[in-house]
Amino acid sequence: MLCKTLSLLASLLVAALPGVAQELKPIPLPKPRMEGGMPLMEALKNRKTSREFSPAKLSPQILSDLLWAGFGINRPENAHRTAPSAMNSQEVDIYVATEDGSYVYDAAGNRLVPVAAGDIRAKTGKQEFVKIGPVSLLFVADLARLKKAKPEERDHYAAIDTGFICQNIYLYCASAGLSCVVHELDRDGLPEALKFKPEQKIVIAQTVGFPKEGATKK
């Protein structure tokens, strides 16, 4: 019940935002697969950074599994997540930039909610691979949700919480055989392109995709 209520509130919020892409439609995601995969210790052993990607698109199932692993709801009875957050603020949103447009992950509804049409992947980083990898993830902290934190500590908590999510995604990618890299980004045009509120702040970006043969690994 709580998850359904949160999903409805998210829908109403997005509908109320000015300039939300009307030409894009919400994308329902398949139910994430919560069983199987690589054992944790093996995934830790195989975790690596790869900066070369195939342009092949990720399937809806892989995208659902990836986002759920990063910051999905694993306890529906109280809407708690796969990654911790300071004082359970859940202040980090995952924006998903693809060739077709940009979306925000609605964990309660297990779907992608449209934000802006058009391909902004080239703006999500300063290296060429951001134009090739099929998915650029932007981790955006809504500092207003950190109500229990002191104002001077909110950036600090947002950065730590984003790190938890990024590592979850790294481990999922190790388990699923995907390439992944966390990287800096071009912050100048993205807030306007994605119609951020003043209290929203981009923390970092992460590109995910299938590996290219001969990719550089670290």
C-alpha atoms as a PDB file:
ATOM      1  CA  MET A   1       0.000   0.000   0.000  1.00  0.00           C
ATOM      2  CA  LEU A   2       2.787   2.415   0.942  1.00  0.00           C
ATOM      3  CA  CYS A   3       4.629   1.744  -2.353  1.00  0.00           C
ATOM      4  CA  LYS A   4       1.448   2.392  -4.363  1.00  0.00           C
ATOM      5  CA  THR A   5       0.883   5.659  -2.520  1.00  0.00           C
ATOM      6  CA  LEU A   6       4.468   6.780  -3.160  1.00  0.00           C
ATOM      7  CA  SER A   7       4.136   5.876  -6.845  1.00  0.00           C
ATOM      8  CA  LEU A   8       0.920   7.935  -7.139  1.00  0.00           C
ATOM      9  CA  LEU A   9       2.560  10.911  -5.431  1.00  0.00           C
ATOM     10  CA  ALA A  10       5.545  10.644  -7.788  1.00  0.00           C
ATOM     11  CA  SER A  11       3.202  10.633 -10.781  1.00  0.00           C
ATOM     12  CA  LEU A  12       1.370  13.718  -9.559  1.00  0.00           C
ATOM     13  CA  LEU A  13       4.645  15.519  -8.890  1.00  0.00           C
ATOM     14  CA  VAL A  14       6.011  14.823 -12.361  1.00  0.00           C
ATOM     15  CA  ALA A  15       2.720  15.823 -13.986  1.00  0.00           C
ATOM     16  CA  ALA A  16       2.849  19.134 -12.143  1.00  0.00           C
ATOM     17  CA  LEU A  17       6.377  20.010 -13.239  1.00  0.00           C
ATOM     18  CA  PRO A  18       6.512  22.589 -16.034  1.00  0.00           C
ATOM     19  CA  GLY A  19       8.074  21.463 -19.273  1.00  0.00           C
ATOM     20  CA  VAL A  20       7.978  17.730 -18.610  1.00  0.00           C
ATOM     21  CA  ALA A  21       8.414  15.993 -21.936  1.00  0.00           C
ATOM     22  CA  GLN A  22       4.932  15.371 -23.269  1.00  0.00           C
ATOM     23  CA  GLU A  23       6.178  13.428 -26.281  1.00  0.00           C
ATOM     24  CA  LEU A  24       7.781  10.775 -24.102  1.00  0.00           C
ATOM     25  CA  LYS A  25       5.691   8.246 -22.244  1.00  0.00           C
ATOM     26  CA  PRO A  26       6.449   6.500 -18.955  1.00  0.00           C
ATOM     27  CA  ILE A  27       8.226   3.200 -19.483  1.00  0.00           C
ATOM     28  CA  PRO A  28       7.028   0.358 -17.244  1.00  0.00           C
ATOM     29  CA  LEU A  29       9.880  -1.945 -16.323  1.00  0.00           C
ATOM     30  CA  PRO A  30       9.692  -5.724 -15.918  1.00  0.00           C
ATOM     31  CA  LYS A  31       9.753  -7.047 -12.384  1.00  0.00           C
ATOM     32  CA  PRO A  32      13.399  -7.069 -11.261  1.00  0.00           C
ATOM     33  CA  ARG A  33      15.002 -10.457 -10.839  1.00  0.00           C
ATOM     34  CA  MET A  34      15.973 -10.737  -7.177  1.00  0.00           C
ATOM     35  CA  GLU A  35      17.437 -14.231  -7.286  1.00  0.00           C
ATOM     36  CA  GLY A  36      20.470 -15.790  -8.921  1.00  0.00           C
ATOM     37  CA  GLY A  37      23.423 -13.841 -10.193  1.00  0.00           C
ATOM     38  CA  MET A  38      27.041 -14.096  -9.152  1.00  0.00           C
ATOM     39  CA  PRO A  39      27.977 -14.810  -5.508  1.00  0.00           C
ATOM     40  CA  LEU A  40      28.895 -11.621  -3.662  1.00  0.00           C
ATOM     41  CA  MET A  41      32.545 -12.485  -3.075  1.00  0.00           C
ATOM     42  CA  GLU A  42      32.994 -13.358  -6.750  1.00  0.00           C
ATOM     43  CA  ALA A  43      31.311 -10.107  -7.797  1.00  0.00           C
ATOM     44  CA  LEU A  44      33.688  -8.174  -5.539  1.00  0.00           C
ATOM     45  CA  LYS A  45      36.616  -9.984  -7.102  1.00  0.00           C
ATOM     46  CA  ASN A  46      35.377  -9.107 -10.600  1.00  0.00           C
ATOM     47  CA  ARG A  47      34.390  -5.484  -9.916  1.00  0.00           C
ATOM     48  CA  LYS A  48      36.242  -3.195 -12.316  1.00  0.00           C
ATOM     49  CA  THR A  49      36.032   0.047 -14.259  1.00  0.00           C
ATOM     50  CA  SER A  50      35.675  -0.163 -18.035  1.00  0.00           C
ATOM     51  CA  ARG A  51      35.729   2.924 -20.250  1.00  0.00           C
ATOM     52  CA  GLU A  52      34.963   1.322 -23.597  1.00  0.00           C
ATOM     53  CA  PHE A  53      31.434   0.320 -24.501  1.00  0.00           C
ATOM     54  CA  SER A  54      29.380  -1.336 -27.170  1.00  0.00           C
ATOM     55  CA  PRO A  55      26.543   0.919 -28.412  1.00  0.00           C
ATOM     56  CA  ALA A  56      24.069  -1.973 -28.079  1.00  0.00           C
ATOM     57  CA  LYS A  57      21.017  -1.033 -26.022  1.00  0.00           C
ATOM     58  CA  LEU A  58      20.272  -2.615 -22.669  1.00  0.00           C
ATOM     59  CA  SER A  59      17.093  -4.669 -22.537  1.00  0.00           C
ATOM     60  CA  PRO A  60      14.221  -3.494 -20.302  1.00  0.00           C
ATOM     61  CA  GLN A  61      14.885  -6.479 -18.024  1.00  0.00           C
ATOM     62  CA  ILE A  62      18.552  -5.614 -17.567  1.00  0.00           C
ATOM     63  CA  LEU A  63      17.684  -1.976 -16.963  1.00  0.00           C
ATOM     64  CA  SER A  64      15.088  -2.985 -14.368  1.00  0.00           C
ATOM     65  CA  ASP A  65      17.564  -5.267 -12.581  1.00  0.00           C
ATOM     66  CA  LEU A  66      20.290  -2.608 -12.733  1.00  0.00           C
ATOM     67  CA  LEU A  67      18.164   0.176 -11.250  1.00  0.00           C
ATOM     68  CA  TRP A  68      16.660  -2.063  -8.593  1.00  0.00           C
ATOM     69  CA  ALA A  69      20.136  -3.210  -7.558  1.00  0.00           C
ATOM     70  CA  GLY A  70      21.228   0.415  -7.363  1.00  0.00           C
ATOM     71  CA  PHE A  71      18.394   1.911  -5.337  1.00  0.00           C
ATOM     72  CA  GLY A  72      15.266  -0.168  -5.684  1.00  0.00           C
ATOM     73  CA  ILE A  73      12.787  -1.092  -2.977  1.00  0.00           C
ATOM     74  CA  ASN A  74      13.713  -4.362  -1.289  1.00  0.00           C
ATOM     75  CA  ARG A  75      11.267  -4.105   1.633  1.00  0.00           C
ATOM     76  CA  PRO A  76       7.861  -3.116   0.231  1.00  0.00           C
ATOM     77  CA  GLU A  77       6.245  -3.040   3.668  1.00  0.00           C
ATOM     78  CA  ASN A  78       8.155   0.161   4.519  1.00  0.00           C
ATOM     79  CA  ALA A  79       9.569   1.242   1.127  1.00  0.00           C
ATOM     80  CA  HIS A  80      13.170   0.795   2.284  1.00  0.00           C
ATOM     81  CA  ARG A  81      15.872   0.490  -0.353  1.00  0.00           C
ATOM     82  CA  THR A  82      18.776  -1.663  -1.509  1.00  0.00           C
ATOM     83  CA  ALA A  83      21.186   1.126  -0.504  1.00  0.00           C
ATOM     84  CA  PRO A  84      21.190   3.063   2.779  1.00  0.00           C
ATOM     85  CA  SER A  85      20.642   6.791   3.042  1.00  0.00           C
ATOM     86  CA  ALA A  86      21.260   9.250   5.841  1.00  0.00           C
ATOM     87  CA  MET A  87      18.319   9.203   8.264  1.00  0.00           C
ATOM     88  CA  ASN A  88      16.407   7.269   5.561  1.00  0.00           C
ATOM     89  CA  SER A  89      16.066  10.515   3.603  1.00  0.00           C
ATOM     90  CA  GLN A  90      16.196   8.724   0.239  1.00  0.00           C
ATOM     91  CA  GLU A  91      17.305  12.036  -1.235  1.00  0.00           C
ATOM     92  CA  VAL A  92      19.082  10.655  -4.318  1.00  0.00           C
ATOM     93  CA  ASP A  93      17.189  10.227  -7.588  1.00  0.00           C
ATOM     94  CA  ILE A  94      18.614   8.263 -10.510  1.00  0.00           C
ATOM     95  CA  TYR A  95      18.158  10.040 -13.837  1.00  0.00           C
ATOM     96  CA  VAL A  96      18.531   7.751 -16.851  1.00  0.00           C
ATOM     97  CA  ALA A  97      19.787   9.335 -20.082  1.00  0.00           C
ATOM     98  CA  THR A  98      19.361   7.251 -23.241  1.00  0.00           C
ATOM     99  CA  GLU A  99      19.423   7.799 -26.977  1.00  0.00           C
ATOM    100  CA  ASP A 100      15.673   8.485 -26.933  1.00  0.00           C
ATOM    101  CA  GLY A 101      15.396  10.793 -23.948  1.00  0.00           C
ATOM    102  CA  SER A 102      15.931  11.290 -20.236  1.00  0.00           C
ATOM    103  CA  TYR A 103      13.878   9.731 -17.467  1.00  0.00           C
ATOM    104  CA  VAL A 104      13.859   9.506 -13.690  1.00  0.00           C
ATOM    105  CA  TYR A 105      13.621   6.137 -11.988  1.00  0.00           C
ATOM    106  CA  ASP A 106      10.423   5.715  -9.996  1.00  0.00           C
ATOM    107  CA  ALA A 107      11.348   2.897  -7.622  1.00  0.00           C
ATOM    108  CA  ALA A 108       7.883   2.573  -6.108  1.00  0.00           C
ATOM    109  CA  GLY A 109       6.251   2.230  -9.514  1.00  0.00           C
ATOM    110  CA  ASN A 110       9.171   0.293 -11.056  1.00  0.00           C
ATOM    111  CA  ARG A 111       9.149   2.502 -14.123  1.00  0.00           C
ATOM    112  CA  LEU A 112      10.938   5.322 -15.898  1.00  0.00           C
ATOM    113  CA  VAL A 113       9.141   8.671 -15.776  1.00  0.00           C
ATOM    114  CA  PRO A 114       9.893  11.002 -18.718  1.00  0.00           C
ATOM    115  CA  VAL A 115      11.785  14.215 -18.051  1.00  0.00           C
ATOM    116  CA  ALA A 116      13.092  15.513 -21.387  1.00  0.00           C
ATOM    117  CA  ALA A 117      13.151  14.311 -24.980  1.00  0.00           C
ATOM    118  CA  GLY A 118      16.402  14.139 -26.925  1.00  0.00           C
ATOM    119  CA  ASP A 119      19.811  12.579 -26.409  1.00  0.00           C
ATOM    120  CA  ILE A 120      21.837  14.392 -23.735  1.00  0.00           C
ATOM    121  CA  ARG A 121      24.405  11.657 -23.125  1.00  0.00           C
ATOM    122  CA  ALA A 122      27.177  13.778 -24.638  1.00  0.00           C
ATOM    123  CA  LYS A 123      26.551  16.360 -21.911  1.00  0.00           C
ATOM    124  CA  THR A 124      26.874  13.842 -19.101  1.00  0.00           C
ATOM    125  CA  GLY A 125      30.655  13.629 -19.285  1.00  0.00           C
ATOM    126  CA  LYS A 126      33.807  14.996 -20.874  1.00  0.00           C
ATOM    127  CA  GLN A 127      35.078  11.773 -22.444  1.00  0.00           C
ATOM    128  CA  GLU A 128      34.051  10.163 -25.713  1.00  0.00           C
ATOM    129  CA  PHE A 129      32.631   7.012 -24.135  1.00  0.00           C
ATOM    130  CA  VAL A 130      29.601   8.912 -22.804  1.00  0.00           C
ATOM    131  CA  LYS A 131      28.377   9.244 -26.394  1.00  0.00           C
ATOM    132  CA  ILE A 132      28.672   5.489 -26.967  1.00  0.00           C
ATOM    133  CA  GLY A 133      27.484   3.822 -23.777  1.00  0.00           C
ATOM    134  CA  PRO A 134      23.721   3.197 -24.084  1.00  0.00           C
ATOM    135  CA  VAL A 135      22.857   4.466 -20.607  1.00  0.00           C
ATOM    136  CA  SER A 136      24.189   7.411 -18.626  1.00  0.00           C
ATOM    137  CA  LEU A 137      23.035   7.502 -15.032  1.00  0.00           C
ATOM    138  CA  LEU A 138      22.954  10.833 -13.217  1.00  0.00           C
ATOM    139  CA  PHE A 139      22.736  10.799  -9.448  1.00  0.00           C
ATOM    140  CA  VAL A 140      20.824  13.861  -8.352  1.00  0.00           C
ATOM    141  CA  ALA A 141      20.380  14.775  -4.706  1.00  0.00           C
ATOM    142  CA  ASP A 142      17.295  16.684  -3.617  1.00  0.00           C
ATOM    143  CA  LEU A 143      18.834  18.395  -0.600  1.00  0.00           C
ATOM    144  CA  ALA A 144      15.407  19.466   0.650  1.00  0.00           C
ATOM    145  CA  ARG A 145      14.709  15.844   1.610  1.00  0.00           C
ATOM    146  CA  LEU A 146      17.597  15.881   4.089  1.00  0.00           C
ATOM    147  CA  LYS A 147      15.377  17.628   6.591  1.00  0.00           C
ATOM    148  CA  LYS A 148      17.022  16.111   9.665  1.00  0.00           C
ATOM    149  CA  ALA A 149      20.541  17.039   8.586  1.00  0.00           C
ATOM    150  CA  LYS A 150      22.250  20.325   9.302  1.00  0.00           C
ATOM    151  CA  PRO A 151      22.346  22.477   6.146  1.00  0.00           C
ATOM    152  CA  GLU A 152      26.148  22.507   6.106  1.00  0.00           C
ATOM    153  CA  GLU A 153      26.230  18.688   6.196  1.00  0.00           C
ATOM    154  CA  ARG A 154      23.713  17.935   3.430  1.00  0.00           C
ATOM    155  CA  ASP A 155      26.235  17.864   0.561  1.00  0.00           C
ATOM    156  CA  HIS A 156      28.369  15.496   2.614  1.00  0.00           C
ATOM    157  CA  TYR A 157      25.518  13.059   3.223  1.00  0.00           C
ATOM    158  CA  ALA A 158      24.373  13.227  -0.400  1.00  0.00           C
ATOM    159  CA  ALA A 159      27.848  12.314  -1.630  1.00  0.00           C
ATOM    160  CA  ILE A 160      28.105   9.343   0.735  1.00  0.00           C
ATOM    161  CA  ASP A 161      24.639   8.060  -0.149  1.00  0.00           C
ATOM    162  CA  THR A 162      25.404   8.344  -3.854  1.00  0.00           C
ATOM    163  CA  GLY A 163      28.549   6.285  -3.294  1.00  0.00           C
ATOM    164  CA  PHE A 164      26.479   3.435  -1.847  1.00  0.00           C
ATOM    165  CA  ILE A 165      24.245   3.396  -4.917  1.00  0.00           C
ATOM    166  CA  CYS A 166      27.157   3.581  -7.361  1.00  0.00           C
ATOM    167  CA  GLN A 167      28.841   0.615  -5.697  1.00  0.00           C
ATOM    168  CA  ASN A 168      25.627  -1.418  -5.857  1.00  0.00           C
ATOM    169  CA  ILE A 169      25.560  -0.739  -9.589  1.00  0.00           C
ATOM    170  CA  TYR A 170      29.219  -1.656  -9.948  1.00  0.00           C
ATOM    171  CA  LEU A 171      28.568  -5.000  -8.268  1.00  0.00           C
ATOM    172  CA  TYR A 172      25.505  -5.658 -10.404  1.00  0.00           C
ATOM    173  CA  CYS A 173      27.555  -4.938 -13.516  1.00  0.00           C
ATOM    174  CA  ALA A 174      30.269  -7.338 -12.329  1.00  0.00           C
ATOM    175  CA  SER A 175      27.625 -10.021 -11.829  1.00  0.00           C
ATOM    176  CA  ALA A 176      25.885  -9.372 -15.176  1.00  0.00           C
ATOM    177  CA  GLY A 177      29.025  -8.958 -17.284  1.00  0.00           C
ATOM    178  CA  LEU A 178      28.422  -5.277 -18.051  1.00  0.00           C
ATOM    179  CA  SER A 179      30.907  -2.422 -18.360  1.00  0.00           C
ATOM    180  CA  CYS A 180      30.653   0.457 -15.932  1.00  0.00           C
ATOM    181  CA  VAL A 181      32.497   3.656 -15.015  1.00  0.00           C
ATOM    182  CA  VAL A 182      31.872   6.541 -12.622  1.00  0.00           C
ATOM    183  CA  HIS A 183      32.958   9.887 -14.021  1.00  0.00           C
ATOM    184  CA  GLU A 184      32.756  13.644 -13.726  1.00  0.00           C
ATOM    185  CA  LEU A 185      30.326  15.496 -15.937  1.00  0.00           C
ATOM    186  CA  ASP A 186      29.501  18.795 -17.566  1.00  0.00           C
ATOM    187  CA  ARG A 187      27.354  20.472 -14.912  1.00  0.00           C
ATOM    188  CA  ASP A 188      26.612  23.704 -16.762  1.00  0.00           C
ATOM    189  CA  GLY A 189      23.720  22.790 -19.053  1.00  0.00           C
ATOM    190  CA  LEU A 190      22.223  19.739 -17.387  1.00  0.00           C
ATOM    191  CA  PRO A 191      20.136  21.374 -14.637  1.00  0.00           C
ATOM    192  CA  GLU A 192      18.332  23.476 -17.224  1.00  0.00           C
ATOM    193  CA  ALA A 193      17.980  20.606 -19.706  1.00  0.00           C
ATOM    194  CA  LEU A 194      16.497  18.363 -17.015  1.00  0.00           C
ATOM    195  CA  LYS A 195      14.444  21.148 -15.428  1.00  0.00           C
ATOM    196  CA  PHE A 196      15.867  20.784 -11.938  1.00  0.00           C
ATOM    197  CA  LYS A 197      14.516  22.569  -8.911  1.00  0.00           C
ATOM    198  CA  PRO A 198      16.962  24.912  -7.109  1.00  0.00           C
ATOM    199  CA  GLU A 199      17.502  22.374  -4.315  1.00  0.00           C
ATOM    200  CA  GLN A 200      18.491  19.575  -6.727  1.00  0.00           C
ATOM    201  CA  LYS A 201      22.199  18.973  -7.193  1.00  0.00           C
ATOM    202  CA  ILE A 202      24.037  16.546  -9.489  1.00  0.00           C
ATOM    203  CA  VAL A 203      26.541  14.511  -7.489  1.00  0.00           C
ATOM    204  CA  ILE A 204      28.191  12.286 -10.113  1.00  0.00           C
ATOM    205  CA  ALA A 205      27.487  10.299 -13.290  1.00  0.00           C
ATOM    206  CA  GLN A 206      27.920   6.640 -14.220  1.00  0.00           C
ATOM    207  CA  THR A 207      27.924   5.122 -17.707  1.00  0.00           C
ATOM    208  CA  VAL A 208      26.749   1.521 -18.146  1.00  0.00           C
ATOM    209  CA  GLY A 209      26.613  -0.771 -21.155  1.00  0.00           C
ATOM    210  CA  PHE A 210      27.823  -3.947 -22.746  1.00  0.00           C
ATOM    211  CA  PRO A 211      31.610  -4.277 -22.948  1.00  0.00           C
ATOM    212  CA  LYS A 212      33.525  -3.603 -26.126  1.00  0.00           C
ATOM    213  CA  GLU A 213      36.097  -6.226 -27.022  1.00  0.00           C
ATOM    214  CA  GLY A 214      39.525  -5.139 -25.840  1.00  0.00           C
ATOM    215  CA  ALA A 215      38.112  -2.607 -23.354  1.00  0.00           C
ATOM    216  CA  THR A 216      40.499  -0.902 -20.954  1.00  0.00           C
ATOM    217  CA  LYS A 217      39.930  -2.199 -17.427  1.00  0.00           C
ATOM    218  CA  LYS A 218      41.004  -1.004 -13.993  1.00  0.00           C
END
